C-alpha atoms as a PDB file:
ATOM      1  CA  MET A   1       0.017  -0.064  -0.067  1.00  0.00           C
ATOM      2  CA  ARG A   2       0.801   3.413  -0.593  1.00  0.00           C
ATOM      3  CA  LEU A   3       0.163   7.018   1.433  1.00  0.00           C
ATOM      4  CA  THR A   4      -0.101  10.149  -0.725  1.00  0.00           C
ATOM      5  CA  VAL A   5      -0.831  13.722   1.050  1.00  0.00           C
ATOM      6  CA  ALA A   6      -2.000  16.105  -2.225  1.00  0.00           C
ATOM      7  CA  ALA A   7      -1.906  19.321  -1.417  1.00  0.00           C
ATOM      8  CA  VAL A   8      -2.861  22.561  -3.131  1.00  0.00           C
ATOM      9  CA  GLY A   9      -0.509  25.437  -2.462  1.00  0.00           C
ATOM     10  CA  ARG A  10       3.695  24.519  -1.678  1.00  0.00           C
ATOM     11  CA  LEU A  11       4.799  24.379   1.613  1.00  0.00           C
ATOM     12  CA  ARG A  12       7.985  26.662   1.978  1.00  0.00           C
ATOM     13  CA  ASP A  13      11.086  26.109   3.584  1.00  0.00           C
ATOM     14  CA  GLY A  14      11.050  26.741   7.505  1.00  0.00           C
ATOM     15  CA  PRO A  15      10.107  24.669  10.187  1.00  0.00           C
ATOM     16  CA  GLU A  16       6.765  23.521   8.984  1.00  0.00           C
ATOM     17  CA  ARG A  17       8.693  21.917   6.004  1.00  0.00           C
ATOM     18  CA  GLU A  18      10.968  20.418   8.680  1.00  0.00           C
ATOM     19  CA  LEU A  19       8.485  18.959  10.582  1.00  0.00           C
ATOM     20  CA  VAL A  20       6.850  17.494   7.697  1.00  0.00           C
ATOM     21  CA  ASP A  21      10.639  16.392   6.676  1.00  0.00           C
ATOM     22  CA  ARG A  22      11.460  14.714   9.577  1.00  0.00           C
ATOM     23  CA  TYR A  23       8.164  12.902  10.448  1.00  0.00           C
ATOM     24  CA  ARG A  24       8.024  11.761   6.453  1.00  0.00           C
ATOM     25  CA  LYS A  25      10.962   9.990   6.894  1.00  0.00           C
ATOM     26  CA  ARG A  26      10.323   8.619  10.085  1.00  0.00           C
ATOM     27  CA  ALA A  27       7.022   7.058   8.536  1.00  0.00           C
ATOM     28  CA  GLU A  28       8.809   5.705   5.337  1.00  0.00           C
ATOM     29  CA  GLY A  29      11.188   3.979   7.626  1.00  0.00           C
ATOM     30  CA  LEU A  30       8.465   1.866   9.912  1.00  0.00           C
ATOM     31  CA  GLY A  31       5.872   1.528   7.238  1.00  0.00           C
ATOM     32  CA  ARG A  32       8.185  -0.840   5.094  1.00  0.00           C
ATOM     33  CA  ARG A  33       8.274  -3.080   7.334  1.00  0.00           C
ATOM     34  CA  LEU A  34       4.280  -2.754   7.572  1.00  0.00           C
ATOM     35  CA  GLY A  35       2.698  -3.248   3.880  1.00  0.00           C
ATOM     36  CA  ILE A  36       3.446   0.899   3.213  1.00  0.00           C
ATOM     37  CA  ARG A  37       5.966   0.781   0.975  1.00  0.00           C
ATOM     38  CA  ASP A  38       5.738   5.515   0.459  1.00  0.00           C
ATOM     39  CA  LEU A  39       4.593   8.118   1.667  1.00  0.00           C
ATOM     40  CA  GLU A  40       4.738  10.812  -1.247  1.00  0.00           C
ATOM     41  CA  ILE A  41       3.883  14.504  -0.918  1.00  0.00           C
ATOM     42  CA  ILE A  42       2.152  15.712  -4.073  1.00  0.00           C
ATOM     43  CA  GLU A  43       1.685  20.033  -4.560  1.00  0.00           C
ATOM     44  CA  VAL A  44      -0.646  20.859  -6.336  1.00  0.00           C
ATOM     45  CA  ARG A  45      -0.555  24.221  -7.975  1.00  0.00           C
ATOM     46  CA  GLU A  46      -2.695  26.888  -5.978  1.00  0.00           C
ATOM     47  CA  SER A  47      -5.255  27.736  -9.029  1.00  0.00           C
ATOM     48  CA  ARG A  48      -5.067  31.411 -11.008  1.00  0.00           C
ATOM     49  CA  ALA A  49      -8.483  31.802 -11.504  1.00  0.00           C
ATOM     50  CA  ALA A  50     -10.420  34.556 -10.839  1.00  0.00           C
ATOM     51  CA  ASP A  51     -13.152  33.832 -10.113  1.00  0.00           C
ATOM     52  CA  VAL A  52     -13.917  30.537  -7.163  1.00  0.00           C
ATOM     53  CA  GLY A  53     -15.273  28.548  -8.135  1.00  0.00           C
ATOM     54  CA  LYS A  54     -13.501  27.525 -11.406  1.00  0.00           C
ATOM     55  CA  ARG A  55     -10.144  27.926  -8.477  1.00  0.00           C
ATOM     56  CA  MET A  56     -12.128  25.246  -7.122  1.00  0.00           C
ATOM     57  CA  THR A  57     -12.767  22.983 -10.265  1.00  0.00           C
ATOM     58  CA  GLU A  58      -9.317  23.562 -11.244  1.00  0.00           C
ATOM     59  CA  GLU A  59      -7.578  21.956  -8.095  1.00  0.00           C
ATOM     60  CA  SER A  60      -9.900  19.274  -7.583  1.00  0.00           C
ATOM     61  CA  ILE A  61      -8.611  18.241 -10.980  1.00  0.00           C
ATOM     62  CA  ALA A  62      -5.781  18.937 -10.726  1.00  0.00           C
ATOM     63  CA  ILE A  63      -6.301  16.767  -7.381  1.00  0.00           C
ATOM     64  CA  ALA A  64      -8.186  14.216  -8.841  1.00  0.00           C
ATOM     65  CA  ASN A  65      -5.359  13.471 -11.900  1.00  0.00           C
ATOM     66  CA  VAL A  66      -3.065  12.067  -8.699  1.00  0.00           C
ATOM     67  CA  ILE A  67      -5.496  10.215  -6.990  1.00  0.00           C
ATOM     68  CA  PRO A  68      -4.812   6.056  -8.298  1.00  0.00           C
ATOM     69  CA  ASP A  69      -7.999   3.551  -8.968  1.00  0.00           C
ATOM     70  CA  LYS A  70      -9.376   1.234  -6.190  1.00  0.00           C
ATOM     71  CA  ALA A  71      -7.700   4.096  -3.304  1.00  0.00           C
ATOM     72  CA  ALA A  72      -9.256   5.593  -0.415  1.00  0.00           C
ATOM     73  CA  VAL A  73      -9.649   9.269  -0.700  1.00  0.00           C
ATOM     74  CA  VAL A  74      -9.249  11.151   2.387  1.00  0.00           C
ATOM     75  CA  LEU A  75     -10.349  14.642   2.692  1.00  0.00           C
ATOM     76  CA  LEU A  76      -8.847  16.894   5.554  1.00  0.00           C
ATOM     77  CA  ASP A  77     -12.232  18.665   6.425  1.00  0.00           C
ATOM     78  CA  GLY A  78     -13.036  20.644   9.066  1.00  0.00           C
ATOM     79  CA  ARG A  79     -16.367  19.196  10.044  1.00  0.00           C
ATOM     80  CA  GLY A  80     -15.539  15.616   9.328  1.00  0.00           C
ATOM     81  CA  ASP A  81     -15.090  12.865  11.663  1.00  0.00           C
ATOM     82  CA  HIS A  82     -13.110  13.155  14.991  1.00  0.00           C
ATOM     83  CA  LEU A  83     -10.765  10.339  14.776  1.00  0.00           C
ATOM     84  CA  ASP A  84      -8.736   9.383  17.330  1.00  0.00           C
ATOM     85  CA  SER A  85      -5.094   8.420  16.550  1.00  0.00           C
ATOM     86  CA  ALA A  86      -6.045   4.526  17.016  1.00  0.00           C
ATOM     87  CA  ALA A  87      -9.090   4.851  15.312  1.00  0.00           C
ATOM     88  CA  LEU A  88      -6.897   6.344  12.349  1.00  0.00           C
ATOM     89  CA  ALA A  89      -3.853   3.420  12.731  1.00  0.00           C
ATOM     90  CA  GLY A  90      -6.572   0.525  12.456  1.00  0.00           C
ATOM     91  CA  GLN A  91      -8.254   2.016   9.607  1.00  0.00           C
ATOM     92  CA  ILE A  92      -5.080   2.678   7.857  1.00  0.00           C
ATOM     93  CA  GLY A  93      -4.429  -0.615   8.847  1.00  0.00           C
ATOM     94  CA  ARG A  94      -7.703  -2.478   7.683  1.00  0.00           C
ATOM     95  CA  TRP A  95      -7.389  -0.660   4.051  1.00  0.00           C
ATOM     96  CA  ARG A  96      -3.973  -2.140   3.832  1.00  0.00           C
ATOM     97  CA  ASP A  97      -4.942  -5.786   5.526  1.00  0.00           C
ATOM     98  CA  ALA A  98      -8.256  -5.092   2.045  1.00  0.00           C
ATOM     99  CA  GLY A  99      -5.696  -4.483  -0.528  1.00  0.00           C
ATOM    100  CA  LEU A 100      -6.258  -1.257  -1.106  1.00  0.00           C
ATOM    101  CA  PRO A 101      -3.600   0.196  -3.552  1.00  0.00           C
ATOM    102  CA  ALA A 102      -3.065   3.636  -1.614  1.00  0.00           C
ATOM    103  CA  ALA A 103      -4.682   5.362   0.708  1.00  0.00           C
ATOM    104  CA  VAL A 104      -4.870   9.460  -0.417  1.00  0.00           C
ATOM    105  CA  PHE A 105      -4.899  12.577   2.021  1.00  0.00           C
ATOM    106  CA  ILE A 106      -6.099  15.876   0.528  1.00  0.00           C
ATOM    107  CA  ILE A 107      -5.876  19.160   1.872  1.00  0.00           C
ATOM    108  CA  GLY A 108      -7.053  21.418  -0.697  1.00  0.00           C
ATOM    109  CA  GLY A 109      -6.832  25.554  -0.967  1.00  0.00           C
ATOM    110  CA  ASP A 110      -8.526  27.972   0.702  1.00  0.00           C
ATOM    111  CA  ASP A 111     -11.921  28.128  -1.544  1.00  0.00           C
ATOM    112  CA  GLY A 112     -12.044  23.966  -0.570  1.00  0.00           C
ATOM    113  CA  LEU A 113     -12.578  21.218  -3.104  1.00  0.00           C
ATOM    114  CA  ALA A 114     -14.805  21.242  -5.616  1.00  0.00           C
ATOM    115  CA  PRO A 115     -18.422  18.896  -5.105  1.00  0.00           C
ATOM    116  CA  ALA A 116     -17.473  16.740  -7.541  1.00  0.00           C
ATOM    117  CA  LEU A 117     -14.095  15.430  -5.391  1.00  0.00           C
ATOM    118  CA  ARG A 118     -15.985  15.908  -1.987  1.00  0.00           C
ATOM    119  CA  GLU A 119     -18.408  13.098  -3.063  1.00  0.00           C
ATOM    120  CA  ARG A 120     -15.507  11.019  -3.668  1.00  0.00           C
ATOM    121  CA  ALA A 121     -14.266  10.690   0.071  1.00  0.00           C
ATOM    122  CA  THR A 122     -13.708   7.456   1.623  1.00  0.00           C
ATOM    123  CA  LEU A 123     -13.636   9.725   4.687  1.00  0.00           C
ATOM    124  CA  ARG A 124     -14.005  12.910   5.871  1.00  0.00           C
ATOM    125  CA  LEU A 125     -10.785  13.689   8.799  1.00  0.00           C
ATOM    126  CA  ALA A 126     -10.911  17.222  10.738  1.00  0.00           C
ATOM    127  CA  PHE A 127      -7.873  18.130  13.372  1.00  0.00           C
ATOM    128  CA  GLY A 128     -10.874  20.013  15.871  1.00  0.00           C
ATOM    129  CA  ALA A 129     -13.287  22.858  15.250  1.00  0.00           C
ATOM    130  CA  ALA A 130     -10.807  25.364  15.004  1.00  0.00           C
ATOM    131  CA  THR A 131      -9.353  26.809  11.981  1.00  0.00           C
ATOM    132  CA  TRP A 132      -5.571  25.460  11.027  1.00  0.00           C
ATOM    133  CA  PRO A 133      -3.155  27.300   8.433  1.00  0.00           C
ATOM    134  CA  HIS A 134      -2.440  24.799   5.504  1.00  0.00           C
ATOM    135  CA  GLN A 135       1.379  24.111   5.847  1.00  0.00           C
ATOM    136  CA  MET A 136      -0.105  23.007  10.224  1.00  0.00           C
ATOM    137  CA  VAL A 137      -2.491  21.073   9.098  1.00  0.00           C
ATOM    138  CA  ARG A 138       0.276  19.255   6.574  1.00  0.00           C
ATOM    139  CA  ALA A 139       2.659  19.898   9.411  1.00  0.00           C
ATOM    140  CA  MET A 140      -0.316  17.656  11.725  1.00  0.00           C
ATOM    141  CA  LEU A 141      -1.183  14.677   8.904  1.00  0.00           C
ATOM    142  CA  LEU A 142       2.798  13.917   8.670  1.00  0.00           C
ATOM    143  CA  GLU A 143       2.888  13.519  12.407  1.00  0.00           C
ATOM    144  CA  GLN A 144      -0.282  11.597  12.932  1.00  0.00           C
ATOM    145  CA  LEU A 145       0.931   9.282  10.036  1.00  0.00           C
ATOM    146  CA  TYR A 146       4.243   8.699  11.611  1.00  0.00           C
ATOM    147  CA  ARG A 147       1.890   8.270  14.848  1.00  0.00           C
ATOM    148  CA  ALA A 148      -0.665   5.994  12.703  1.00  0.00           C
ATOM    149  CA  MET A 149       2.699   3.270  11.677  1.00  0.00           C
ATOM    150  CA  THR A 150       4.193   3.400  15.592  1.00  0.00           C
ATOM    151  CA  ILE A 151       0.804   2.313  16.920  1.00  0.00           C
ATOM    152  CA  LEU A 152       0.182  -0.385  14.004  1.00  0.00           C
ATOM    153  CA  ALA A 153       3.974  -1.711  14.649  1.00  0.00           C
ATOM    154  CA  GLY A 154       3.628  -1.526  18.326  1.00  0.00           C
ATOM    155  CA  HIS A 155       6.313   1.293  18.596  1.00  0.00           C
ATOM    156  CA  PRO A 156       5.921   3.058  22.270  1.00  0.00           C
ATOM    157  CA  TYR A 157       5.838   6.869  20.200  1.00  0.00           C
ATOM    158  CA  HIS A 158       2.066   6.221  21.065  1.00  0.00           C
ATOM    159  CA  ARG A 159       1.048   6.698  24.788  1.00  0.00           C
ATOM    160  CA  ALA A 160      -2.290   6.456  25.195  1.00  0.00           C
END
């Protein structure tokens, strides 16, 4: 199984990028032993269209083009499900055990995602009711994916 984070916008150099890179490397190292062979980050260019609807559509099409067939699609959505770390790890493990080729975690742009892409979601995941900057969401997501790998591996990083 492959994990992909598809995000609208480029993460610039700085502390958030360092966190993302650190957790990605850690997750990849553990994941290989768990049947998760890759953790890829795909950055989709922000649309420059003047119309909000057109921006959402262009960004959503770009993201949809990187979703493999039969992949689980996870939208990061403030109105989504509030899963604890163990539940997220369990879900990833179930997808892996069911033979899904990939799970794609999507972080949309400032305007959100087009309804057609939102309807493809297997899971909508929230990191609480607060509004978070996209770069922080990416860092938090990578930490949670690493934490999921540690839970699946029985590693002591996660102590509940």
